[in-house]
Amino acid sequence: MQKTDFKKYLKSLYVLSAKHFAIVDVPKMNFINIDGAGIPEGLAFAEAVSWLYSISYPLKFLSKQILQKDYFVSPLERLWCADDMFAYTEGRKEDWLWSMMIMQPD
């Protein structure tokens, strides 16, 4: 059974230059996600990461067992924002909002 690596398959989305601006076309994808607030070093953040992986790995194993399709669990992705954007420049991490997600194949 061949194991699909979506990070390689979607390389144009995961390997971008930090030195150059790029526009990428992102295809429609499925994600498991959780939203939260507060510092990245906080308990809520750690619990969200744990929850995402505790769902993603059983889904992967079910896919392998039932559908005969194996794949690598995709990387954790994070989006950050704040109601007051000065929270970033002033280092007020407790005011940060985040959304964490892991892409799930069809």
PDB file of N, CA and C in Angstrom:
ATOM      1  N   MET A   1       0.850  -1.170   0.000  1.00  0.00           N
ATOM      2  CA  MET A   1       0.000   0.000   0.000  1.00  0.00           C
ATOM      3  C   MET A   1       0.903   1.244   0.000  1.00  0.00           C
ATOM      4  N   GLN A   2       0.675   2.116  -0.954  1.00  0.00           N
ATOM      5  CA  GLN A   2       1.458   3.337  -1.045  1.00  0.00           C
ATOM      6  C   GLN A   2       0.923   4.382  -0.061  1.00  0.00           C
ATOM      7  N   LYS A   3       1.835   5.124   0.543  1.00  0.00           N
ATOM      8  CA  LYS A   3       1.469   6.134   1.538  1.00  0.00           C
ATOM      9  C   LYS A   3       1.558   7.518   0.891  1.00  0.00           C
ATOM     10  N   THR A   4       0.456   8.267   0.900  1.00  0.00           N
ATOM     11  CA  THR A   4       0.416   9.587   0.281  1.00  0.00           C
ATOM     12  C   THR A   4       0.977  10.638   1.244  1.00  0.00           C
ATOM     13  N   ASP A   5       1.832  11.492   0.703  1.00  0.00           N
ATOM     14  CA  ASP A   5       2.394  12.593   1.477  1.00  0.00           C
ATOM     15  C   ASP A   5       1.839  13.894   0.897  1.00  0.00           C
ATOM     16  N   PHE A   6       0.824  14.445   1.549  1.00  0.00           N
ATOM     17  CA  PHE A   6       0.174  15.646   1.023  1.00  0.00           C
ATOM     18  C   PHE A   6       1.091  16.865   1.077  1.00  0.00           C
ATOM     19  N   LYS A   7       2.069  16.849   1.972  1.00  0.00           N
ATOM     20  CA  LYS A   7       3.020  17.954   2.035  1.00  0.00           C
ATOM     21  C   LYS A   7       3.857  18.000   0.750  1.00  0.00           C
ATOM     22  N   LYS A   8       4.176  16.846   0.198  1.00  0.00           N
ATOM     23  CA  LYS A   8       4.895  16.804  -1.085  1.00  0.00           C
ATOM     24  C   LYS A   8       3.942  17.087  -2.243  1.00  0.00           C
ATOM     25  N   TYR A   9       2.745  16.522  -2.168  1.00  0.00           N
ATOM     26  CA  TYR A   9       1.751  16.700  -3.225  1.00  0.00           C
ATOM     27  C   TYR A   9       1.333  18.165  -3.346  1.00  0.00           C
ATOM     28  N   LEU A  10       1.254  18.849  -2.210  1.00  0.00           N
ATOM     29  CA  LEU A  10       0.868  20.268  -2.176  1.00  0.00           C
ATOM     30  C   LEU A  10       2.077  21.146  -1.847  1.00  0.00           C
ATOM     31  N   LYS A  11       3.225  20.779  -2.389  1.00  0.00           N
ATOM     32  CA  LYS A  11       4.488  21.452  -2.086  1.00  0.00           C
ATOM     33  C   LYS A  11       4.416  22.963  -2.296  1.00  0.00           C
ATOM     34  N   SER A  12       3.694  23.416  -3.307  1.00  0.00           N
ATOM     35  CA  SER A  12       3.611  24.851  -3.595  1.00  0.00           C
ATOM     36  C   SER A  12       2.943  25.619  -2.454  1.00  0.00           C
ATOM     37  N   LEU A  13       2.216  24.930  -1.584  1.00  0.00           N
ATOM     38  CA  LEU A  13       1.572  25.581  -0.443  1.00  0.00           C
ATOM     39  C   LEU A  13       2.432  25.536   0.818  1.00  0.00           C
ATOM     40  N   TYR A  14       3.289  24.529   0.927  1.00  0.00           N
ATOM     41  CA  TYR A  14       4.051  24.320   2.150  1.00  0.00           C
ATOM     42  C   TYR A  14       5.504  24.776   2.075  1.00  0.00           C
ATOM     43  N   VAL A  15       6.025  24.978   0.875  1.00  0.00           N
ATOM     44  CA  VAL A  15       7.425  25.381   0.726  1.00  0.00           C
ATOM     45  C   VAL A  15       7.463  26.707  -0.021  1.00  0.00           C
ATOM     46  N   LEU A  16       7.436  27.793   0.723  1.00  0.00           N
ATOM     47  CA  LEU A  16       7.462  29.132   0.142  1.00  0.00           C
ATOM     48  C   LEU A  16       8.674  29.883   0.675  1.00  0.00           C
ATOM     49  N   SER A  17       9.163  30.812  -0.104  1.00  0.00           N
ATOM     50  CA  SER A  17      10.310  31.613   0.281  1.00  0.00           C
ATOM     51  C   SER A  17       9.912  32.628   1.353  1.00  0.00           C
ATOM     52  N   ALA A  18      10.739  32.756   2.360  1.00  0.00           N
ATOM     53  CA  ALA A  18      10.514  33.775   3.382  1.00  0.00           C
ATOM     54  C   ALA A  18      10.998  35.143   2.910  1.00  0.00           C
ATOM     55  N   LYS A  19      11.726  35.167   1.791  1.00  0.00           N
ATOM     56  CA  LYS A  19      12.306  36.413   1.284  1.00  0.00           C
ATOM     57  C   LYS A  19      11.488  37.058   0.180  1.00  0.00           C
ATOM     58  N   HIS A  20      10.585  36.303  -0.428  1.00  0.00           N
ATOM     59  CA  HIS A  20       9.847  36.814  -1.575  1.00  0.00           C
ATOM     60  C   HIS A  20       8.344  36.643  -1.369  1.00  0.00           C
ATOM     61  N   PHE A  21       7.610  37.645  -1.818  1.00  0.00           N
ATOM     62  CA  PHE A  21       6.154  37.614  -1.779  1.00  0.00           C
ATOM     63  C   PHE A  21       5.654  36.709  -2.899  1.00  0.00           C
ATOM     64  N   ALA A  22       4.639  35.921  -2.633  1.00  0.00           N
ATOM     65  CA  ALA A  22       4.090  35.032  -3.658  1.00  0.00           C
ATOM     66  C   ALA A  22       2.579  34.926  -3.485  1.00  0.00           C
ATOM     67  N   ILE A  23       1.897  34.839  -4.590  1.00  0.00           N
ATOM     68  CA  ILE A  23       0.462  34.570  -4.589  1.00  0.00           C
ATOM     69  C   ILE A  23       0.294  33.107  -4.988  1.00  0.00           C
ATOM     70  N   VAL A  24      -0.453  32.369  -4.205  1.00  0.00           N
ATOM     71  CA  VAL A  24      -0.665  30.954  -4.503  1.00  0.00           C
ATOM     72  C   VAL A  24      -2.157  30.678  -4.599  1.00  0.00           C
ATOM     73  N   ASP A  25      -2.510  29.752  -5.447  1.00  0.00           N
ATOM     74  CA  ASP A  25      -3.887  29.294  -5.552  1.00  0.00           C
ATOM     75  C   ASP A  25      -4.054  28.107  -4.611  1.00  0.00           C
ATOM     76  N   VAL A  26      -4.936  28.254  -3.657  1.00  0.00           N
ATOM     77  CA  VAL A  26      -5.157  27.198  -2.675  1.00  0.00           C
ATOM     78  C   VAL A  26      -6.425  26.452  -3.061  1.00  0.00           C
ATOM     79  N   PRO A  27      -6.298  25.147  -3.299  1.00  0.00           N
ATOM     80  CA  PRO A  27      -7.494  24.379  -3.654  1.00  0.00           C
ATOM     81  C   PRO A  27      -8.400  24.196  -2.433  1.00  0.00           C
ATOM     82  N   LYS A  28      -9.634  23.831  -2.684  1.00  0.00           N
ATOM     83  CA  LYS A  28     -10.557  23.550  -1.597  1.00  0.00           C
ATOM     84  C   LYS A  28     -10.031  22.325  -0.843  1.00  0.00           C
ATOM     85  N   MET A  29      -9.960  22.445   0.483  1.00  0.00           N
ATOM     86  CA  MET A  29      -9.445  21.352   1.310  1.00  0.00           C
ATOM     87  C   MET A  29     -10.300  21.233   2.565  1.00  0.00           C
ATOM     88  N   ASN A  30     -10.255  20.078   3.180  1.00  0.00           N
ATOM     89  CA  ASN A  30     -10.961  19.818   4.431  1.00  0.00           C
ATOM     90  C   ASN A  30      -9.986  19.951   5.599  1.00  0.00           C
ATOM     91  N   PHE A  31     -10.446  20.551   6.683  1.00  0.00           N
ATOM     92  CA  PHE A  31      -9.616  20.707   7.870  1.00  0.00           C
ATOM     93  C   PHE A  31     -10.407  20.342   9.110  1.00  0.00           C
ATOM     94  N   ILE A  32      -9.702  19.845  10.100  1.00  0.00           N
ATOM     95  CA  ILE A  32     -10.214  19.799  11.461  1.00  0.00           C
ATOM     96  C   ILE A  32      -9.565  21.008  12.117  1.00  0.00           C
ATOM     97  N   ASN A  33     -10.361  21.839  12.774  1.00  0.00           N
ATOM     98  CA  ASN A  33      -9.754  23.018  13.383  1.00  0.00           C
ATOM     99  C   ASN A  33     -10.373  23.323  14.738  1.00  0.00           C
ATOM    100  N   ILE A  34      -9.651  24.132  15.474  1.00  0.00           N
ATOM    101  CA  ILE A  34     -10.124  24.610  16.773  1.00  0.00           C
ATOM    102  C   ILE A  34      -9.656  26.047  16.922  1.00  0.00           C
ATOM    103  N   ASP A  35     -10.546  26.898  17.423  1.00  0.00           N
ATOM    104  CA  ASP A  35     -10.226  28.304  17.637  1.00  0.00           C
ATOM    105  C   ASP A  35     -10.008  28.556  19.123  1.00  0.00           C
ATOM    106  N   GLY A  36      -9.145  29.509  19.401  1.00  0.00           N
ATOM    107  CA  GLY A  36      -8.883  29.839  20.794  1.00  0.00           C
ATOM    108  C   GLY A  36      -8.264  31.209  20.930  1.00  0.00           C
ATOM    109  N   ALA A  37      -7.844  31.518  22.137  1.00  0.00           N
ATOM    110  CA  ALA A  37      -7.248  32.816  22.428  1.00  0.00           C
ATOM    111  C   ALA A  37      -6.188  32.644  23.492  1.00  0.00           C
ATOM    112  N   GLY A  38      -5.209  33.550  23.451  1.00  0.00           N
ATOM    113  CA  GLY A  38      -4.195  33.566  24.495  1.00  0.00           C
ATOM    114  C   GLY A  38      -2.809  33.230  23.995  1.00  0.00           C
ATOM    115  N   ILE A  39      -1.923  33.138  24.937  1.00  0.00           N
ATOM    116  CA  ILE A  39      -0.507  32.973  24.610  1.00  0.00           C
ATOM    117  C   ILE A  39      -0.224  31.594  24.002  1.00  0.00           C
ATOM    118  N   PRO A  40       0.705  31.560  23.038  1.00  0.00           N
ATOM    119  CA  PRO A  40       1.054  30.275  22.419  1.00  0.00           C
ATOM    120  C   PRO A  40       1.649  29.281  23.411  1.00  0.00           C
ATOM    121  N   GLU A  41       2.192  29.768  24.500  1.00  0.00           N
ATOM    122  CA  GLU A  41       2.782  28.892  25.508  1.00  0.00           C
ATOM    123  C   GLU A  41       1.751  28.420  26.537  1.00  0.00           C
ATOM    124  N   GLY A  42       0.494  28.833  26.375  1.00  0.00           N
ATOM    125  CA  GLY A  42      -0.533  28.553  27.366  1.00  0.00           C
ATOM    126  C   GLY A  42      -1.139  27.159  27.281  1.00  0.00           C
ATOM    127  N   LEU A  43      -1.875  26.811  28.305  1.00  0.00           N
ATOM    128  CA  LEU A  43      -2.514  25.499  28.414  1.00  0.00           C
ATOM    129  C   LEU A  43      -3.552  25.276  27.314  1.00  0.00           C
ATOM    130  N   ALA A  44      -4.364  26.293  26.999  1.00  0.00           N
ATOM    131  CA  ALA A  44      -5.397  26.137  25.964  1.00  0.00           C
ATOM    132  C   ALA A  44      -4.773  25.808  24.620  1.00  0.00           C
ATOM    133  N   PHE A  45      -3.660  26.451  24.308  1.00  0.00           N
ATOM    134  CA  PHE A  45      -2.958  26.206  23.051  1.00  0.00           C
ATOM    135  C   PHE A  45      -2.447  24.763  23.002  1.00  0.00           C
ATOM    136  N   ALA A  46      -1.806  24.330  24.076  1.00  0.00           N
ATOM    137  CA  ALA A  46      -1.275  22.960  24.140  1.00  0.00           C
ATOM    138  C   ALA A  46      -2.385  21.923  24.048  1.00  0.00           C
ATOM    139  N   GLU A  47      -3.499  22.170  24.719  1.00  0.00           N
ATOM    140  CA  GLU A  47      -4.623  21.237  24.658  1.00  0.00           C
ATOM    141  C   GLU A  47      -5.232  21.181  23.265  1.00  0.00           C
ATOM    142  N   ALA A  48      -5.263  22.309  22.573  1.00  0.00           N
ATOM    143  CA  ALA A  48      -5.790  22.328  21.205  1.00  0.00           C
ATOM    144  C   ALA A  48      -4.914  21.503  20.275  1.00  0.00           C
ATOM    145  N   VAL A  49      -3.605  21.646  20.400  1.00  0.00           N
ATOM    146  CA  VAL A  49      -2.680  20.852  19.581  1.00  0.00           C
ATOM    147  C   VAL A  49      -2.897  19.373  19.852  1.00  0.00           C
ATOM    148  N   SER A  50      -2.974  19.005  21.116  1.00  0.00           N
ATOM    149  CA  SER A  50      -3.184  17.604  21.503  1.00  0.00           C
ATOM    150  C   SER A  50      -4.502  17.077  20.932  1.00  0.00           C
ATOM    151  N   TRP A  51      -5.561  17.866  21.035  1.00  0.00           N
ATOM    152  CA  TRP A  51      -6.870  17.456  20.525  1.00  0.00           C
ATOM    153  C   TRP A  51      -6.822  17.218  19.021  1.00  0.00           C
ATOM    154  N   LEU A  52      -6.189  18.126  18.275  1.00  0.00           N
ATOM    155  CA  LEU A  52      -6.127  17.984  16.814  1.00  0.00           C
ATOM    156  C   LEU A  52      -5.429  16.690  16.408  1.00  0.00           C
ATOM    157  N   TYR A  53      -4.313  16.381  17.059  1.00  0.00           N
ATOM    158  CA  TYR A  53      -3.606  15.147  16.720  1.00  0.00           C
ATOM    159  C   TYR A  53      -4.356  13.915  17.208  1.00  0.00           C
ATOM    160  N   SER A  54      -5.068  14.030  18.329  1.00  0.00           N
ATOM    161  CA  SER A  54      -5.813  12.872  18.842  1.00  0.00           C
ATOM    162  C   SER A  54      -6.996  12.519  17.947  1.00  0.00           C
ATOM    163  N   ILE A  55      -7.410  13.438  17.093  1.00  0.00           N
ATOM    164  CA  ILE A  55      -8.452  13.165  16.101  1.00  0.00           C
ATOM    165  C   ILE A  55      -7.827  12.732  14.771  1.00  0.00           C
ATOM    166  N   SER A  56      -6.759  13.403  14.364  1.00  0.00           N
ATOM    167  CA  SER A  56      -6.156  13.165  13.047  1.00  0.00           C
ATOM    168  C   SER A  56      -5.564  11.772  12.900  1.00  0.00           C
ATOM    169  N   TYR A  57      -4.878  11.276  13.928  1.00  0.00           N
ATOM    170  CA  TYR A  57      -4.257   9.954  13.796  1.00  0.00           C
ATOM    171  C   TYR A  57      -5.276   8.818  13.737  1.00  0.00           C
ATOM    172  N   PRO A  58      -6.312   8.797  14.567  1.00  0.00           N
ATOM    173  CA  PRO A  58      -7.322   7.746  14.400  1.00  0.00           C
ATOM    174  C   PRO A  58      -7.999   7.775  13.031  1.00  0.00           C
ATOM    175  N   LEU A  59      -8.236   8.978  12.484  1.00  0.00           N
ATOM    176  CA  LEU A  59      -8.806   9.064  11.137  1.00  0.00           C
ATOM    177  C   LEU A  59      -7.874   8.452  10.098  1.00  0.00           C
ATOM    178  N   LYS A  60      -6.591   8.715  10.252  1.00  0.00           N
ATOM    179  CA  LYS A  60      -5.593   8.144   9.334  1.00  0.00           C
ATOM    180  C   LYS A  60      -5.612   6.614   9.412  1.00  0.00           C
ATOM    181  N   PHE A  61      -5.651   6.081  10.630  1.00  0.00           N
ATOM    182  CA  PHE A  61      -5.645   4.629  10.787  1.00  0.00           C
ATOM    183  C   PHE A  61      -6.940   3.992  10.276  1.00  0.00           C
ATOM    184  N   LEU A  62      -8.068   4.674  10.457  1.00  0.00           N
ATOM    185  CA  LEU A  62      -9.327   4.174   9.894  1.00  0.00           C
ATOM    186  C   LEU A  62      -9.288   4.177   8.369  1.00  0.00           C
ATOM    187  N   SER A  63      -8.720   5.226   7.796  1.00  0.00           N
ATOM    188  CA  SER A  63      -8.587   5.293   6.339  1.00  0.00           C
ATOM    189  C   SER A  63      -7.755   4.125   5.817  1.00  0.00           C
ATOM    190  N   LYS A  64      -6.676   3.854   6.519  1.00  0.00           N
ATOM    191  CA  LYS A  64      -5.801   2.744   6.106  1.00  0.00           C
ATOM    192  C   LYS A  64      -6.532   1.405   6.233  1.00  0.00           C
ATOM    193  N   GLN A  65      -7.240   1.225   7.325  1.00  0.00           N
ATOM    194  CA  GLN A  65      -7.912  -0.050   7.590  1.00  0.00           C
ATOM    195  C   GLN A  65      -9.145  -0.252   6.710  1.00  0.00           C
ATOM    196  N   ILE A  66      -9.992   0.747   6.603  1.00  0.00           N
ATOM    197  CA  ILE A  66     -11.276   0.583   5.923  1.00  0.00           C
ATOM    198  C   ILE A  66     -11.194   0.901   4.430  1.00  0.00           C
ATOM    199  N   LEU A  67     -10.504   1.990   4.082  1.00  0.00           N
ATOM    200  CA  LEU A  67     -10.452   2.423   2.685  1.00  0.00           C
ATOM    201  C   LEU A  67      -9.217   1.933   1.936  1.00  0.00           C
ATOM    202  N   GLN A  68      -8.292   1.330   2.681  1.00  0.00           N
ATOM    203  CA  GLN A  68      -7.032   0.887   2.082  1.00  0.00           C
ATOM    204  C   GLN A  68      -6.250   2.059   1.484  1.00  0.00           C
ATOM    205  N   LYS A  69      -6.349   3.230   2.130  1.00  0.00           N
ATOM    206  CA  LYS A  69      -5.622   4.433   1.706  1.00  0.00           C
ATOM    207  C   LYS A  69      -4.840   4.959   2.898  1.00  0.00           C
ATOM    208  N   ASP A  70      -3.521   4.937   2.747  1.00  0.00           N
ATOM    209  CA  ASP A  70      -2.653   5.392   3.824  1.00  0.00           C
ATOM    210  C   ASP A  70      -2.057   6.750   3.452  1.00  0.00           C
ATOM    211  N   TYR A  71      -1.806   7.566   4.452  1.00  0.00           N
ATOM    212  CA  TYR A  71      -1.228   8.891   4.209  1.00  0.00           C
ATOM    213  C   TYR A  71      -0.508   9.367   5.466  1.00  0.00           C
ATOM    214  N   PHE A  72       0.384  10.326   5.290  1.00  0.00           N
ATOM    215  CA  PHE A  72       1.038  10.977   6.409  1.00  0.00           C
ATOM    216  C   PHE A  72       0.089  12.047   6.943  1.00  0.00           C
ATOM    217  N   VAL A  73      -0.013  12.172   8.249  1.00  0.00           N
ATOM    218  CA  VAL A  73      -0.816  13.241   8.834  1.00  0.00           C
ATOM    219  C   VAL A  73      -0.169  14.567   8.440  1.00  0.00           C
ATOM    220  N   SER A  74      -0.982  15.493   7.968  1.00  0.00           N
ATOM    221  CA  SER A  74      -0.481  16.789   7.488  1.00  0.00           C
ATOM    222  C   SER A  74       0.027  17.634   8.646  1.00  0.00           C
ATOM    223  N   PRO A  75       0.867  18.628   8.330  1.00  0.00           N
ATOM    224  CA  PRO A  75       1.404  19.478   9.397  1.00  0.00           C
ATOM    225  C   PRO A  75       0.335  20.347  10.060  1.00  0.00           C
ATOM    226  N   LEU A  76       0.598  20.702  11.281  1.00  0.00           N
ATOM    227  CA  LEU A  76      -0.248  21.623  12.022  1.00  0.00           C
ATOM    228  C   LEU A  76      -0.109  23.008  11.400  1.00  0.00           C
ATOM    229  N   GLU A  77      -1.239  23.662  11.163  1.00  0.00           N
ATOM    230  CA  GLU A  77      -1.229  25.021  10.615  1.00  0.00           C
ATOM    231  C   GLU A  77      -1.912  25.940  11.612  1.00  0.00           C
ATOM    232  N   ARG A  78      -1.432  27.197  11.659  1.00  0.00           N
ATOM    233  CA  ARG A  78      -1.977  28.167  12.604  1.00  0.00           C
ATOM    234  C   ARG A  78      -2.243  29.492  11.910  1.00  0.00           C
ATOM    235  N   LEU A  79      -3.332  30.126  12.294  1.00  0.00           N
ATOM    236  CA  LEU A  79      -3.652  31.482  11.855  1.00  0.00           C
ATOM    237  C   LEU A  79      -3.755  32.344  13.112  1.00  0.00           C
ATOM    238  N   TRP A  80      -3.221  33.553  13.015  1.00  0.00           N
ATOM    239  CA  TRP A  80      -3.216  34.461  14.157  1.00  0.00           C
ATOM    240  C   TRP A  80      -3.928  35.753  13.808  1.00  0.00           C
ATOM    241  N   CYS A  81      -4.624  36.330  14.769  1.00  0.00           N
ATOM    242  CA  CYS A  81      -5.203  37.650  14.603  1.00  0.00           C
ATOM    243  C   CYS A  81      -5.419  38.231  16.000  1.00  0.00           C
ATOM    244  N   ALA A  82      -5.911  39.457  16.040  1.00  0.00           N
ATOM    245  CA  ALA A  82      -6.224  40.103  17.315  1.00  0.00           C
ATOM    246  C   ALA A  82      -7.267  41.174  17.045  1.00  0.00           C
ATOM    247  N   ASP A  83      -8.141  41.402  17.995  1.00  0.00           N
ATOM    248  CA  ASP A  83      -9.120  42.475  17.845  1.00  0.00           C
ATOM    249  C   ASP A  83      -8.416  43.821  17.744  1.00  0.00           C
ATOM    250  N   ASP A  84      -7.327  43.967  18.488  1.00  0.00           N
ATOM    251  CA  ASP A  84      -6.494  45.165  18.443  1.00  0.00           C
ATOM    252  C   ASP A  84      -5.145  44.750  17.848  1.00  0.00           C
ATOM    253  N   MET A  85      -4.872  45.152  16.621  1.00  0.00           N
ATOM    254  CA  MET A  85      -3.656  44.701  15.941  1.00  0.00           C
ATOM    255  C   MET A  85      -2.375  45.199  16.617  1.00  0.00           C
ATOM    256  N   PHE A  86      -2.467  46.194  17.496  1.00  0.00           N
ATOM    257  CA  PHE A  86      -1.295  46.624  18.257  1.00  0.00           C
ATOM    258  C   PHE A  86      -0.859  45.562  19.264  1.00  0.00           C
ATOM    259  N   ALA A  87      -1.697  44.576  19.504  1.00  0.00           N
ATOM    260  CA  ALA A  87      -1.328  43.484  20.404  1.00  0.00           C
ATOM    261  C   ALA A  87      -0.070  42.783  19.913  1.00  0.00           C
ATOM    262  N   TYR A  88       0.163  42.779  18.594  1.00  0.00           N
ATOM    263  CA  TYR A  88       1.372  42.161  18.043  1.00  0.00           C
ATOM    264  C   TYR A  88       2.602  43.017  18.321  1.00  0.00           C
ATOM    265  N   THR A  89       2.537  44.287  17.952  1.00  0.00           N
ATOM    266  CA  THR A  89       3.707  45.152  18.103  1.00  0.00           C
ATOM    267  C   THR A  89       4.024  45.440  19.566  1.00  0.00           C
ATOM    268  N   GLU A  90       3.024  45.383  20.419  1.00  0.00           N
ATOM    269  CA  GLU A  90       3.239  45.637  21.837  1.00  0.00           C
ATOM    270  C   GLU A  90       3.506  44.353  22.622  1.00  0.00           C
ATOM    271  N   GLY A  91       3.492  43.213  21.931  1.00  0.00           N
ATOM    272  CA  GLY A  91       3.809  41.942  22.580  1.00  0.00           C
ATOM    273  C   GLY A  91       2.762  41.452  23.566  1.00  0.00           C
ATOM    274  N   ARG A  92       1.493  41.841  23.380  1.00  0.00           N
ATOM    275  CA  ARG A  92       0.422  41.409  24.283  1.00  0.00           C
ATOM    276  C   ARG A  92      -0.145  40.068  23.801  1.00  0.00           C
ATOM    277  N   LYS A  93       0.603  39.010  24.026  1.00  0.00           N
ATOM    278  CA  LYS A  93       0.206  37.682  23.547  1.00  0.00           C
ATOM    279  C   LYS A  93      -1.107  37.200  24.149  1.00  0.00           C
ATOM    280  N   GLU A  94      -1.427  37.660  25.340  1.00  0.00           N
ATOM    281  CA  GLU A  94      -2.678  37.231  25.975  1.00  0.00           C
ATOM    282  C   GLU A  94      -3.899  37.719  25.206  1.00  0.00           C
ATOM    283  N   ASP A  95      -3.707  38.709  24.319  1.00  0.00           N
ATOM    284  CA  ASP A  95      -4.802  39.241  23.496  1.00  0.00           C
ATOM    285  C   ASP A  95      -4.875  38.606  22.106  1.00  0.00           C
ATOM    286  N   TRP A  96      -3.966  37.698  21.816  1.00  0.00           N
ATOM    287  CA  TRP A  96      -3.956  37.072  20.495  1.00  0.00           C
ATOM    288  C   TRP A  96      -5.103  36.072  20.360  1.00  0.00           C
ATOM    289  N   LEU A  97      -5.648  35.986  19.168  1.00  0.00           N
ATOM    290  CA  LEU A  97      -6.651  34.977  18.810  1.00  0.00           C
ATOM    291  C   LEU A  97      -5.989  34.034  17.830  1.00  0.00           C
ATOM    292  N   TRP A  98      -6.311  32.765  17.882  1.00  0.00           N
ATOM    293  CA  TRP A  98      -5.696  31.818  16.970  1.00  0.00           C
ATOM    294  C   TRP A  98      -6.698  30.771  16.509  1.00  0.00           C
ATOM    295  N   SER A  99      -6.366  30.230  15.359  1.00  0.00           N
ATOM    296  CA  SER A  99      -7.104  29.099  14.804  1.00  0.00           C
ATOM    297  C   SER A  99      -6.058  28.081  14.387  1.00  0.00           C
ATOM    298  N   MET A 100      -6.152  26.880  14.923  1.00  0.00           N
ATOM    299  CA  MET A 100      -5.207  25.811  14.560  1.00  0.00           C
ATOM    300  C   MET A 100      -5.949  24.749  13.794  1.00  0.00           C
ATOM    301  N   MET A 101      -5.248  24.163  12.828  1.00  0.00           N
ATOM    302  CA  MET A 101      -5.926  23.193  11.973  1.00  0.00           C
ATOM    303  C   MET A 101      -4.946  22.185  11.384  1.00  0.00           C
ATOM    304  N   ILE A 102      -5.493  21.038  11.014  1.00  0.00           N
ATOM    305  CA  ILE A 102      -4.746  20.006  10.286  1.00  0.00           C
ATOM    306  C   ILE A 102      -5.613  19.577   9.118  1.00  0.00           C
ATOM    307  N   MET A 103      -5.032  19.639   7.927  1.00  0.00           N
ATOM    308  CA  MET A 103      -5.755  19.261   6.709  1.00  0.00           C
ATOM    309  C   MET A 103      -6.071  17.756   6.745  1.00  0.00           C
ATOM    310  N   GLN A 104      -7.288  17.436   6.303  1.00  0.00           N
ATOM    311  CA  GLN A 104      -7.739  16.041   6.234  1.00  0.00           C
ATOM    312  C   GLN A 104      -8.089  15.716   4.781  1.00  0.00           C
ATOM    313  N   PRO A 105      -7.614  14.602   4.282  1.00  0.00           N
ATOM    314  CA  PRO A 105      -7.944  14.247   2.896  1.00  0.00           C
ATOM    315  C   PRO A 105      -9.409  13.873   2.735  1.00  0.00           C
ATOM    316  N   ASP A 106      -9.860  13.918   1.479  1.00  0.00           N
ATOM    317  CA  ASP A 106     -11.240  13.495   1.191  1.00  0.00           C
ATOM    318  C   ASP A 106     -11.394  12.057   1.586  1.00  0.00           C
TER     319      ASP A 106
END
